[in-house]
Amino acid sequence: NKPPSGGLLACTTVLLAINLL
């Protein structure tokens, strides 16, 4: 089963948040 697109979006958001820090 492939992970939902929402999971990928969440990962991207986390990475973006880390970059902002």
C-alpha atoms as a PDB file:
ATOM      1  CA  ASN A   1       0.000   0.000   0.000  1.00  0.00           C
ATOM      2  CA  LYS A   2       1.380   3.388  -1.003  1.00  0.00           C
ATOM      3  CA  PRO A   3       1.301   6.119   1.657  1.00  0.00           C
ATOM      4  CA  PRO A   4      -1.287   8.890   1.125  1.00  0.00           C
ATOM      5  CA  SER A   5      -0.243  12.212  -0.404  1.00  0.00           C
ATOM      6  CA  GLY A   6      -1.056  13.847   2.934  1.00  0.00           C
ATOM      7  CA  GLY A   7       1.832  11.922   4.519  1.00  0.00           C
ATOM      8  CA  LEU A   8       4.257  13.307   1.922  1.00  0.00           C
ATOM      9  CA  LEU A   9       2.916  16.814   2.463  1.00  0.00           C
ATOM     10  CA  ALA A  10       3.389  16.454   6.217  1.00  0.00           C
ATOM     11  CA  CYS A  11       7.021  15.404   5.758  1.00  0.00           C
ATOM     12  CA  THR A  12       7.639  18.371   3.460  1.00  0.00           C
ATOM     13  CA  THR A  13       6.058  20.713   6.010  1.00  0.00           C
ATOM     14  CA  VAL A  14       8.300  19.344   8.771  1.00  0.00           C
ATOM     15  CA  LEU A  15      11.412  19.803   6.618  1.00  0.00           C
ATOM     16  CA  LEU A  16      10.327  23.355   5.791  1.00  0.00           C
ATOM     17  CA  ALA A  17       9.780  24.111   9.478  1.00  0.00           C
ATOM     18  CA  ILE A  18      13.296  22.857  10.272  1.00  0.00           C
ATOM     19  CA  ASN A  19      14.712  25.131   7.557  1.00  0.00           C
ATOM     20  CA  LEU A  20      12.861  28.103   9.071  1.00  0.00           C
ATOM     21  CA  LEU A  21      14.451  27.320  12.438  1.00  0.00           C
END
